[in-house]
């Protein structure tokens, strides 16, 4: 897309050139194959522009009425699938302008007064992305709700918490799920913050220097729901920070979903057996009849590379561009469109998948018995008995080594054996060596005690 204030009769600039654009160049430079999805936003922006021109006395009331009538007919054609998108008209803007002119005559030719395709496309993309961010926020909220529903049923379900993928300490399964709720909450905050910078109006910057017509940019901003105008015409037409920022936020969302996907894949394997995914999210094997493969979380994990690639692509697109608009910027749309499509579909399928998770508490409990999960609780017990923490750490390490040698868990060791490692250990030690005791002891805000988790669930519901 390049600037043009001429009629699109033969491309919008044919009077300047001595030969037509080659067919190969037309195919190479055309964007209508993908930017037609901006059509409704292009029409909204054009209508606001036309009404502003009318209010400022730049267009007649008759012209504005004709444009409104023509755009209504044109929009109906697009929604009904009757609109003919033409490659030779290059992009969504010239296609719409040509059809408008066919419908209403000279009023259609006057619509482009005081603007360029440079500020027009920047406006369209911002309008489209603003709406996409709102859809994404709804998708994030839906996934958060699914996580809360699953968590509410498993506050008292104990599972191993891991570090280095080794059993570390007992945690509530609900507490584990709420960690992802928090990640998604930050994602929503980032998207909302990004939306503020998306929601600024470029229209009025024209090609790069503004326009000599007495336009009212604030009026257009109000009609289109923008919070502010872009304050510098050069920056308005060339800025794609908002697209890069959005894609970075989208990459983080996908990263969070990839982490959860990795856990679902591990938990579903027979080695863990912590959960089972509903059949509708899995596939079988063409050769091994026993297989039930977690294809959806695996594909989510793979699609992160796709979105991350779009982020790097956009950063690379912008890194060498001088001010102001350059044809390079035509390459901003396909990665942006695909990022939004990928994220929306992933969020929708993920919320459904979480709702279909079947938890196996007995497998989680068995795993806790294999990893000396309450060893830290024994160390804390000794500290409360006056043993310095480093000494307590050494005592428990020796106790764990002995338990490994005899093939039992810490709670299975006789009291006399435990006291051989430290005389500070008393008969009450077994209360802290149970999974329930370990969980209950961490009752502070943010802790994994069932009482703290129930409070966190209530707060999370309130935040939604």
Protein backbone atom coordinates (compact mmCIF):
# COMPACT_ATOMS: atom_id res chain seq x y z
CA UNK A 1 0.00 0.00 0.00
CA UNK A 2 1.36 3.39 -0.99
CA UNK A 3 -0.01 6.89 -0.81
CA UNK A 4 -2.49 8.05 -3.43
CA UNK A 5 -4.95 10.89 -3.69
CA UNK A 6 -5.87 10.18 -7.32
CA UNK A 7 -8.72 8.24 -8.85
CA UNK A 8 -8.22 4.48 -8.82
CA UNK A 9 -9.34 4.26 -12.44
CA UNK A 10 -6.16 2.51 -13.51
CA UNK A 11 -4.32 1.97 -10.25
CA UNK A 12 -4.59 5.45 -8.78
CA UNK A 13 -1.42 6.88 -10.29
CA UNK A 14 -1.38 5.84 -13.96
CA UNK A 15 -0.94 9.40 -15.22
CA UNK A 16 2.58 9.48 -13.82
CA UNK A 17 3.84 6.39 -15.68
CA UNK A 18 4.56 5.59 -19.32
CA UNK A 19 3.81 1.88 -19.07
CA UNK A 20 1.47 -0.27 -17.00
CA UNK A 21 2.58 -2.28 -14.02
CA UNK A 22 3.58 -5.80 -15.07
CA UNK A 23 1.30 -8.70 -14.23
CA UNK A 24 4.03 -10.29 -12.13
CA UNK A 25 4.49 -7.10 -10.11
CA UNK A 26 0.73 -6.84 -9.64
CA UNK A 27 0.64 -10.32 -8.14
CA UNK A 28 3.75 -9.70 -6.07
CA UNK A 29 2.61 -6.40 -4.58
CA UNK A 30 -1.13 -7.00 -4.21
CA UNK A 31 -2.43 -7.38 -0.68
CA UNK A 32 -6.15 -7.77 -1.34
CA UNK A 33 -5.81 -11.53 -0.93
CA UNK A 34 -5.38 -11.05 2.80
CA UNK A 35 -6.24 -7.45 3.70
CA UNK A 36 -9.87 -7.80 2.54
CA UNK A 37 -10.59 -8.92 6.10
CA UNK A 38 -10.16 -5.25 7.06
CA UNK A 39 -13.13 -4.30 4.85
CA UNK A 40 -15.70 -3.53 7.52
CA UNK A 41 -13.19 -1.50 9.50
CA UNK A 42 -12.18 0.34 6.33
CA UNK A 43 -15.81 1.23 5.75
CA UNK A 44 -16.26 2.43 9.33
CA UNK A 45 -13.19 4.62 9.07
CA UNK A 46 -14.28 5.98 5.68
CA UNK A 47 -17.73 6.85 6.97
CA UNK A 48 -16.30 8.72 9.95
CA UNK A 49 -13.90 10.54 7.61
CA UNK A 50 -16.71 11.48 5.21
CA UNK A 51 -18.95 12.78 7.99
CA UNK A 52 -16.07 14.85 9.35
CA UNK A 53 -15.40 16.31 5.89
CA UNK A 54 -19.08 17.20 5.66
CA UNK A 55 -19.13 18.81 9.11
CA UNK A 56 -16.03 20.84 8.18
CA UNK A 57 -17.59 22.04 4.92
CA UNK A 58 -15.10 20.13 2.75
CA UNK A 59 -17.74 17.78 1.30
CA UNK A 60 -21.33 18.71 0.55
CA UNK A 61 -24.20 17.17 2.49
CA UNK A 62 -25.29 15.48 -0.74
CA UNK A 63 -21.88 13.87 -1.18
CA UNK A 64 -21.89 12.61 2.41
CA UNK A 65 -25.37 11.17 2.01
CA UNK A 66 -24.38 9.46 -1.22
CA UNK A 67 -21.28 7.99 0.42
CA UNK A 68 -23.33 6.68 3.33
CA UNK A 69 -25.88 5.15 0.96
CA UNK A 70 -23.19 3.59 -1.20
CA UNK A 71 -21.25 2.21 1.75
CA UNK A 72 -24.40 0.60 3.17
CA UNK A 73 -24.99 -1.20 -0.13
CA UNK A 74 -21.33 -2.13 -0.41
CA UNK A 75 -21.25 -3.54 3.12
CA UNK A 76 -24.28 -5.67 2.36
CA UNK A 77 -22.50 -7.06 -0.71
CA UNK A 78 -19.42 -7.93 1.35
CA UNK A 79 -21.39 -9.63 4.11
CA UNK A 80 -23.41 -11.60 1.57
CA UNK A 81 -20.25 -12.72 -0.23
CA UNK A 82 -21.24 -10.97 -3.47
CA UNK A 83 -18.42 -8.44 -3.50
CA UNK A 84 -15.84 -9.06 -6.24
CA UNK A 85 -12.32 -8.48 -4.97
CA UNK A 86 -10.05 -7.51 -7.88
CA UNK A 87 -6.33 -8.17 -7.88
CA UNK A 88 -5.62 -5.29 -10.26
CA UNK A 89 -6.96 -2.86 -7.66
CA UNK A 90 -4.23 -4.08 -5.30
CA UNK A 91 -5.78 -3.72 -1.87
CA UNK A 92 -8.94 -3.50 0.18
CA UNK A 93 -9.00 0.31 0.02
CA UNK A 94 -8.96 0.72 -3.76
CA UNK A 95 -11.41 -2.15 -4.21
CA UNK A 96 -13.90 -0.46 -1.92
CA UNK A 97 -13.32 2.97 -3.39
CA UNK A 98 -13.82 1.68 -6.96
CA UNK A 99 -17.07 -0.07 -6.07
CA UNK A 100 -18.29 2.97 -4.14
CA UNK A 101 -17.63 5.15 -7.16
CA UNK A 102 -19.57 2.71 -9.36
CA UNK A 103 -22.50 2.97 -6.95
CA UNK A 104 -22.59 6.74 -6.24
CA UNK A 105 -20.42 8.41 -8.86
CA UNK A 106 -18.24 11.43 -8.11
CA UNK A 107 -19.03 11.38 -4.38
CA UNK A 108 -17.01 8.17 -4.21
CA UNK A 109 -14.05 9.93 -5.84
CA UNK A 110 -14.26 12.77 -3.32
CA UNK A 111 -14.12 10.45 -0.29
CA UNK A 112 -10.31 10.29 -0.36
CA UNK A 113 -10.01 14.05 0.11
CA UNK A 114 -7.66 14.90 2.98
CA UNK A 115 -6.35 11.41 3.56
CA UNK A 116 -3.91 8.85 2.15
CA UNK A 117 -3.91 5.11 2.11
CA UNK A 118 -1.01 5.43 4.55
CA UNK A 119 -3.11 6.85 7.38
CA UNK A 120 -6.14 4.90 6.15
CA UNK A 121 -4.52 1.48 6.53
CA UNK A 122 -2.96 2.41 9.86
CA UNK A 123 -6.45 3.31 11.08
CA UNK A 124 -8.00 0.14 9.72
CA UNK A 125 -5.42 -2.11 11.35
CA UNK A 126 -5.81 -0.36 14.70
CA UNK A 127 -9.60 -0.68 14.55
CA UNK A 128 -9.31 -4.36 13.65
CA UNK A 129 -6.71 -5.12 16.33
CA UNK A 130 -8.68 -3.29 19.00
CA UNK A 131 -11.66 -5.54 18.31
CA UNK A 132 -9.37 -8.60 18.26
CA UNK A 133 -7.91 -7.70 21.66
CA UNK A 134 -11.42 -7.53 23.09
CA UNK A 135 -12.15 -11.02 21.72
CA UNK A 136 -8.87 -12.30 23.14
CA UNK A 137 -9.68 -10.88 26.55
CA UNK A 138 -12.98 -12.76 26.49
CA UNK A 139 -11.06 -15.93 25.55
CA UNK A 140 -8.58 -15.45 28.37
CA UNK A 141 -11.40 -14.88 30.82
CA UNK A 142 -13.14 -18.03 29.60
CA UNK A 143 -10.03 -20.10 30.17
CA UNK A 144 -9.57 -18.58 33.63
CA UNK A 145 -13.15 -19.57 34.46
CA UNK A 146 -12.50 -23.15 33.34
CA UNK A 147 -9.39 -23.31 35.51
CA UNK A 148 -11.33 -21.99 38.52
CA UNK A 149 -14.08 -24.56 38.04
CA UNK A 150 -11.59 -27.41 37.94
CA UNK A 151 -9.62 -25.99 40.86
CA UNK A 152 -12.74 -25.63 43.03
CA UNK A 153 -13.25 -29.39 42.83
CA UNK A 154 -9.68 -30.18 43.91
CA UNK A 155 -8.72 -27.90 46.77
CA UNK A 156 -8.03 -30.92 48.97
CA UNK A 157 -6.41 -33.02 46.24
CA UNK A 158 -2.70 -33.31 47.05
CA UNK A 159 -0.07 -33.65 44.36
CA UNK A 160 3.70 -33.35 44.22
CA UNK A 161 5.05 -29.91 43.57
CA UNK A 162 8.16 -30.20 41.42
CA UNK A 163 11.44 -28.39 40.99
CA UNK A 164 13.85 -29.68 38.34
CA UNK A 165 11.00 -32.13 37.60
CA UNK A 166 11.87 -33.83 40.89
CA UNK A 167 9.34 -34.24 43.69
CA UNK A 168 9.78 -31.24 45.98
CA UNK A 169 6.87 -30.60 48.37
CA UNK A 170 3.15 -31.39 48.52
CA UNK A 171 0.83 -28.83 46.97
CA UNK A 172 -2.89 -28.64 46.40
CA UNK A 173 -3.83 -29.43 42.80
CA UNK A 174 -6.10 -26.39 42.93
CA UNK A 175 -3.11 -24.28 43.99
CA UNK A 176 -1.18 -25.56 40.98
CA UNK A 177 -4.03 -24.63 38.63
CA UNK A 178 -4.31 -21.18 40.19
CA UNK A 179 -0.71 -20.50 39.18
CA UNK A 180 -1.93 -20.55 35.58
CA UNK A 181 -4.87 -18.34 36.51
CA UNK A 182 -2.32 -15.76 37.66
CA UNK A 183 -0.32 -16.06 34.43
CA UNK A 184 -3.47 -15.45 32.42
CA UNK A 185 -4.37 -12.52 34.67
CA UNK A 186 -1.07 -10.89 33.78
CA UNK A 187 -1.76 -11.66 30.13
CA UNK A 188 -5.05 -9.81 30.38
CA UNK A 189 -3.33 -6.86 32.01
CA UNK A 190 -0.77 -6.74 29.20
CA UNK A 191 -3.47 -6.92 26.54
CA UNK A 192 -5.45 -4.13 28.21
CA UNK A 193 -2.36 -1.97 28.44
CA UNK A 194 -1.48 -2.70 24.80
CA UNK A 195 -5.03 -1.78 23.79
CA UNK A 196 -4.54 1.73 25.14
CA UNK A 197 -1.69 2.33 22.71
CA UNK A 198 -3.52 0.64 19.85
CA UNK A 199 -6.48 2.93 20.47
CA UNK A 200 -5.00 6.12 18.98
CA UNK A 201 -6.17 7.58 15.69
CA UNK A 202 -3.67 7.94 12.79
CA UNK A 203 -6.25 9.29 10.32
CA UNK A 204 -5.51 12.89 9.43
CA UNK A 205 -1.79 12.31 9.08
CA UNK A 206 -2.43 11.75 5.34
CA UNK A 207 0.65 10.50 3.46
CA UNK A 208 3.16 11.72 6.06
CA UNK A 209 2.89 15.49 6.60
CA UNK A 210 -0.75 16.00 7.46
CA UNK A 211 -3.22 17.75 5.14
CA UNK A 212 -3.91 21.32 4.09
CA UNK A 213 -7.67 20.82 4.50
CA UNK A 214 -9.26 22.14 7.73
CA UNK A 215 -10.06 18.71 9.18
CA UNK A 216 -11.27 17.81 12.66
CA UNK A 217 -9.32 14.75 13.82
CA UNK A 218 -10.86 14.81 17.29
CA UNK A 219 -14.33 14.37 15.79
CA UNK A 220 -13.22 11.29 13.86
CA UNK A 221 -11.54 9.90 16.99
CA UNK A 222 -14.75 10.29 18.98
CA UNK A 223 -16.91 8.62 16.35
CA UNK A 224 -14.55 5.66 16.03
CA UNK A 225 -14.04 5.27 19.78
CA UNK A 226 -10.35 6.18 19.84
CA UNK A 227 -9.05 7.54 23.13
CA UNK A 228 -6.59 9.94 21.50
CA UNK A 229 -5.01 10.91 18.20
CA UNK A 230 -1.49 10.08 17.06
CA UNK A 231 0.40 13.29 17.79
CA UNK A 232 2.96 13.28 14.98
CA UNK A 233 1.98 12.71 11.36
CA UNK A 234 5.26 11.01 10.42
CA UNK A 235 4.99 8.62 13.34
CA UNK A 236 1.26 8.04 12.77
CA UNK A 237 1.71 6.48 9.34
CA UNK A 238 4.94 4.58 9.99
CA UNK A 239 4.44 3.30 13.54
CA UNK A 240 3.90 -0.42 13.97
CA UNK A 241 4.95 -0.55 17.62
CA UNK A 242 1.39 -1.41 18.54
CA UNK A 243 1.46 -4.52 16.34
CA UNK A 244 4.82 -5.63 17.74
CA UNK A 245 3.70 -5.02 21.31
CA UNK A 246 0.53 -7.01 20.74
CA UNK A 247 2.43 -9.91 19.20
CA UNK A 248 4.86 -9.89 22.13
CA UNK A 249 1.91 -10.09 24.53
CA UNK A 250 0.43 -12.89 22.41
CA UNK A 251 3.75 -14.76 22.55
CA UNK A 252 3.61 -14.67 26.34
CA UNK A 253 0.05 -16.02 26.35
CA UNK A 254 1.14 -18.87 24.10
CA UNK A 255 4.20 -19.48 26.26
CA UNK A 256 1.98 -19.86 29.32
CA UNK A 257 -0.31 -22.25 27.46
CA UNK A 258 2.72 -24.18 26.24
CA UNK A 259 3.93 -24.63 29.82
CA UNK A 260 0.53 -25.96 30.85
CA UNK A 261 0.48 -28.16 27.75
CA UNK A 262 3.81 -29.66 28.72
CA UNK A 263 2.42 -30.52 32.13
CA UNK A 264 -0.76 -32.02 30.72
CA UNK A 265 1.32 -34.18 28.37
CA UNK A 266 3.51 -35.38 31.23
CA UNK A 267 0.61 -35.88 33.64
CA UNK A 268 -1.32 -37.93 31.07
CA UNK A 269 1.57 -40.30 30.41
CA UNK A 270 1.43 -43.66 32.24
CA UNK A 271 4.63 -42.71 34.08
CA UNK A 272 2.61 -40.04 35.90
CA UNK A 273 -1.03 -40.95 35.33
CA UNK A 274 -2.23 -37.84 37.17
CA UNK A 275 -4.97 -36.93 34.69
CA UNK A 276 -6.81 -38.11 31.64
CA UNK A 277 -7.91 -35.85 28.80
CA UNK A 278 -11.31 -36.30 27.20
CA UNK A 279 -11.19 -38.43 24.08
CA UNK A 280 -12.27 -35.55 21.84
CA UNK A 281 -8.92 -33.85 22.41
CA UNK A 282 -6.81 -36.90 21.59
CA UNK A 283 -6.04 -39.15 18.67
CA UNK A 284 -4.91 -42.72 18.22
CA UNK A 285 -2.07 -44.31 16.32
CA UNK A 286 -2.22 -45.69 12.79
CA UNK A 287 -0.18 -48.70 13.92
CA UNK A 288 -0.42 -49.00 17.73
CA UNK A 289 -4.05 -49.61 18.73
CA UNK A 290 -3.47 -48.94 22.43
CA UNK A 291 -2.34 -45.34 21.97
CA UNK A 292 -4.21 -42.25 23.15
CA UNK A 293 -2.11 -39.27 22.13
CA UNK A 294 -2.53 -35.77 23.63
CA UNK A 295 -2.47 -34.10 20.21
CA UNK A 296 -4.13 -30.83 21.21
CA UNK A 297 -1.66 -29.82 23.95
CA UNK A 298 1.19 -31.02 21.73
CA UNK A 299 -0.01 -28.80 18.90
CA UNK A 300 -0.47 -25.85 21.24
CA UNK A 301 3.14 -26.34 22.30
CA UNK A 302 4.14 -26.35 18.64
CA UNK A 303 2.13 -23.27 17.69
CA UNK A 304 4.15 -21.17 20.13
CA UNK A 305 6.97 -21.27 17.59
CA UNK A 306 4.58 -19.92 14.97
CA UNK A 307 3.58 -16.92 17.11
CA UNK A 308 7.12 -16.28 18.33
CA UNK A 309 8.22 -16.34 14.69
CA UNK A 310 5.68 -13.65 13.84
CA UNK A 311 7.07 -11.48 16.64
CA UNK A 312 10.61 -11.79 15.31
CA UNK A 313 9.31 -11.19 11.79
CA UNK A 314 7.64 -7.92 12.77
CA UNK A 315 10.68 -6.73 14.70
CA UNK A 316 12.86 -7.50 11.70
CA UNK A 317 10.38 -5.80 9.35
CA UNK A 318 10.69 -2.50 11.22
CA UNK A 319 14.34 -2.46 12.18
CA UNK A 320 15.71 -0.85 8.99
CA UNK A 321 12.89 1.47 7.96
CA UNK A 322 13.48 5.20 7.68
CA UNK A 323 10.55 7.58 8.19
CA UNK A 324 7.89 7.58 7.01
CA UNK A 325 5.73 4.94 5.28
CA UNK A 326 7.47 2.24 3.23
CA UNK A 327 6.06 -0.61 1.18
CA UNK A 328 7.71 -3.00 3.66
CA UNK A 329 4.79 -2.34 5.97
CA UNK A 330 2.47 -4.34 3.76
CA UNK A 331 4.16 -7.35 5.39
CA UNK A 332 2.78 -6.47 8.83
CA UNK A 333 -0.70 -7.87 8.27
CA UNK A 334 -0.33 -11.57 7.59
CA UNK A 335 1.73 -12.25 10.75
CA UNK A 336 -0.63 -10.08 12.78
CA UNK A 337 -3.73 -11.77 11.36
CA UNK A 338 -2.29 -15.24 11.92
CA UNK A 339 -1.25 -14.40 15.48
CA UNK A 340 -4.79 -13.34 16.34
CA UNK A 341 -6.34 -16.36 14.61
CA UNK A 342 -3.96 -18.77 16.33
CA UNK A 343 -4.48 -17.24 19.76
CA UNK A 344 -8.28 -17.07 19.56
CA UNK A 345 -8.61 -20.67 18.42
CA UNK A 346 -6.12 -21.89 21.01
CA UNK A 347 -7.91 -20.14 23.87
CA UNK A 348 -11.29 -21.51 22.79
CA UNK A 349 -10.12 -25.11 22.50
CA UNK A 350 -8.09 -24.87 25.71
CA UNK A 351 -11.05 -23.75 27.83
CA UNK A 352 -13.05 -26.72 26.52
CA UNK A 353 -10.13 -29.10 27.09
CA UNK A 354 -9.60 -27.98 30.71
CA UNK A 355 -13.29 -28.57 31.36
CA UNK A 356 -12.85 -32.18 30.20
CA UNK A 357 -9.89 -33.09 32.40
CA UNK A 358 -10.42 -36.10 34.65
CA UNK A 359 -8.15 -36.01 37.71
CA UNK A 360 -6.67 -39.14 39.31
CA UNK A 361 -5.95 -38.17 42.93
CA UNK A 362 -4.72 -41.66 43.84
CA UNK A 363 -1.88 -41.45 41.31
CA UNK A 364 -0.87 -38.03 42.64
CA UNK A 365 -0.89 -39.41 46.16
CA UNK A 366 1.26 -42.36 45.17
CA UNK A 367 3.81 -40.04 43.57
CA UNK A 368 4.05 -38.05 46.80
CA UNK A 369 5.08 -41.22 48.61
CA UNK A 370 7.98 -41.74 46.23
CA UNK A 371 9.81 -38.46 46.60
CA UNK A 372 10.20 -37.68 50.33
CA UNK A 373 7.91 -34.71 49.79
CA UNK A 374 7.70 -33.79 53.49
CA UNK A 375 11.46 -33.63 54.07
CA UNK A 376 11.36 -29.81 54.23
CA UNK A 377 8.61 -30.04 56.84
CA UNK A 378 10.90 -32.15 59.01
CA UNK A 379 13.64 -29.55 58.67
CA UNK A 380 11.19 -26.79 59.64
CA UNK A 381 10.07 -28.88 62.61
CA UNK A 382 13.67 -29.11 63.85
CA UNK A 383 14.15 -25.36 63.44
CA UNK A 384 11.11 -24.76 65.61
CA UNK A 385 12.79 -27.06 68.17
CA UNK A 386 15.83 -24.77 68.25
CA UNK A 387 18.07 -26.53 65.70
CA UNK A 388 19.81 -24.07 63.32
CA UNK A 389 18.42 -24.46 59.80
CA UNK A 390 21.69 -25.60 58.22
CA UNK A 391 22.08 -28.25 60.89
CA UNK A 392 18.46 -29.27 60.46
CA UNK A 393 19.00 -29.54 56.70
CA UNK A 394 21.91 -31.95 57.28
CA UNK A 395 19.92 -34.05 59.75
CA UNK A 396 17.07 -34.51 57.28
CA UNK A 397 19.44 -35.26 54.40
CA UNK A 398 20.90 -38.14 56.42
CA UNK A 399 17.40 -39.35 57.34
CA UNK A 400 16.37 -39.34 53.67
CA UNK A 401 19.49 -41.27 52.69
CA UNK A 402 18.70 -43.89 55.31
CA UNK A 403 15.07 -44.12 54.18
CA UNK A 404 16.25 -44.69 50.62
CA UNK A 405 18.53 -47.48 51.77
CA UNK A 406 15.78 -49.30 53.65
CA UNK A 407 13.15 -48.57 50.98
CA UNK A 408 10.57 -46.53 52.87
CA UNK A 409 9.27 -42.98 53.20
CA UNK A 410 10.14 -40.67 56.11
CA UNK A 411 6.85 -41.18 57.98
CA UNK A 412 7.54 -44.92 57.93
CA UNK A 413 10.77 -44.62 59.95
CA UNK A 414 10.41 -45.58 63.63
CA UNK A 415 10.67 -42.78 66.17
CA UNK A 416 13.85 -44.24 67.64
CA UNK A 417 15.49 -44.20 64.25
CA UNK A 418 14.48 -40.57 63.65
CA UNK A 419 15.77 -39.60 67.11
CA UNK A 420 19.09 -41.23 66.25
CA UNK A 421 19.52 -38.47 63.67
CA UNK A 422 18.50 -35.73 66.14
CA UNK A 423 17.44 -35.89 69.80
CA UNK A 424 15.27 -32.82 69.15
CA UNK A 425 12.72 -35.02 67.42
CA UNK A 426 9.71 -35.89 69.54
CA UNK A 427 6.62 -38.07 69.22
CA UNK A 428 4.70 -35.18 67.59
CA UNK A 429 6.95 -35.34 64.53
CA UNK A 430 4.59 -37.60 62.59
CA UNK A 431 1.96 -34.86 62.43
CA UNK A 432 4.28 -32.76 60.28
CA UNK A 433 5.40 -35.68 58.13
CA UNK A 434 1.92 -36.29 56.73
CA UNK A 435 0.85 -34.74 53.44
CA UNK A 436 -2.14 -33.11 55.13
CA UNK A 437 0.07 -31.62 57.82
CA UNK A 438 2.49 -30.27 55.25
CA UNK A 439 -0.29 -28.63 53.27
CA UNK A 440 -2.07 -27.18 56.29
CA UNK A 441 1.09 -25.57 57.62
CA UNK A 442 1.33 -23.21 54.64
CA UNK A 443 -1.74 -21.14 55.40
CA UNK A 444 -0.37 -17.69 54.60
CA UNK A 445 -1.71 -15.69 51.60
CA UNK A 446 -0.32 -17.30 48.47
CA UNK A 447 0.36 -20.58 50.26
CA UNK A 448 -0.89 -24.04 49.35
CA UNK A 449 -2.91 -24.80 52.50
CA UNK A 450 -6.51 -25.67 51.58
CA UNK A 451 -7.74 -22.75 53.68
CA UNK A 452 -5.48 -20.33 51.78
CA UNK A 453 -6.43 -21.88 48.44
CA UNK A 454 -10.15 -21.47 49.16
CA UNK A 455 -9.54 -17.83 49.96
CA UNK A 456 -7.52 -17.45 46.76
CA UNK A 457 -10.37 -19.03 44.77
CA UNK A 458 -12.86 -16.53 46.15
CA UNK A 459 -10.55 -13.65 45.34
CA UNK A 460 -9.99 -15.01 41.84
CA UNK A 461 -13.74 -15.20 41.21
CA UNK A 462 -14.03 -11.61 42.33
CA UNK A 463 -11.25 -10.54 39.97
CA UNK A 464 -13.08 -12.11 37.02
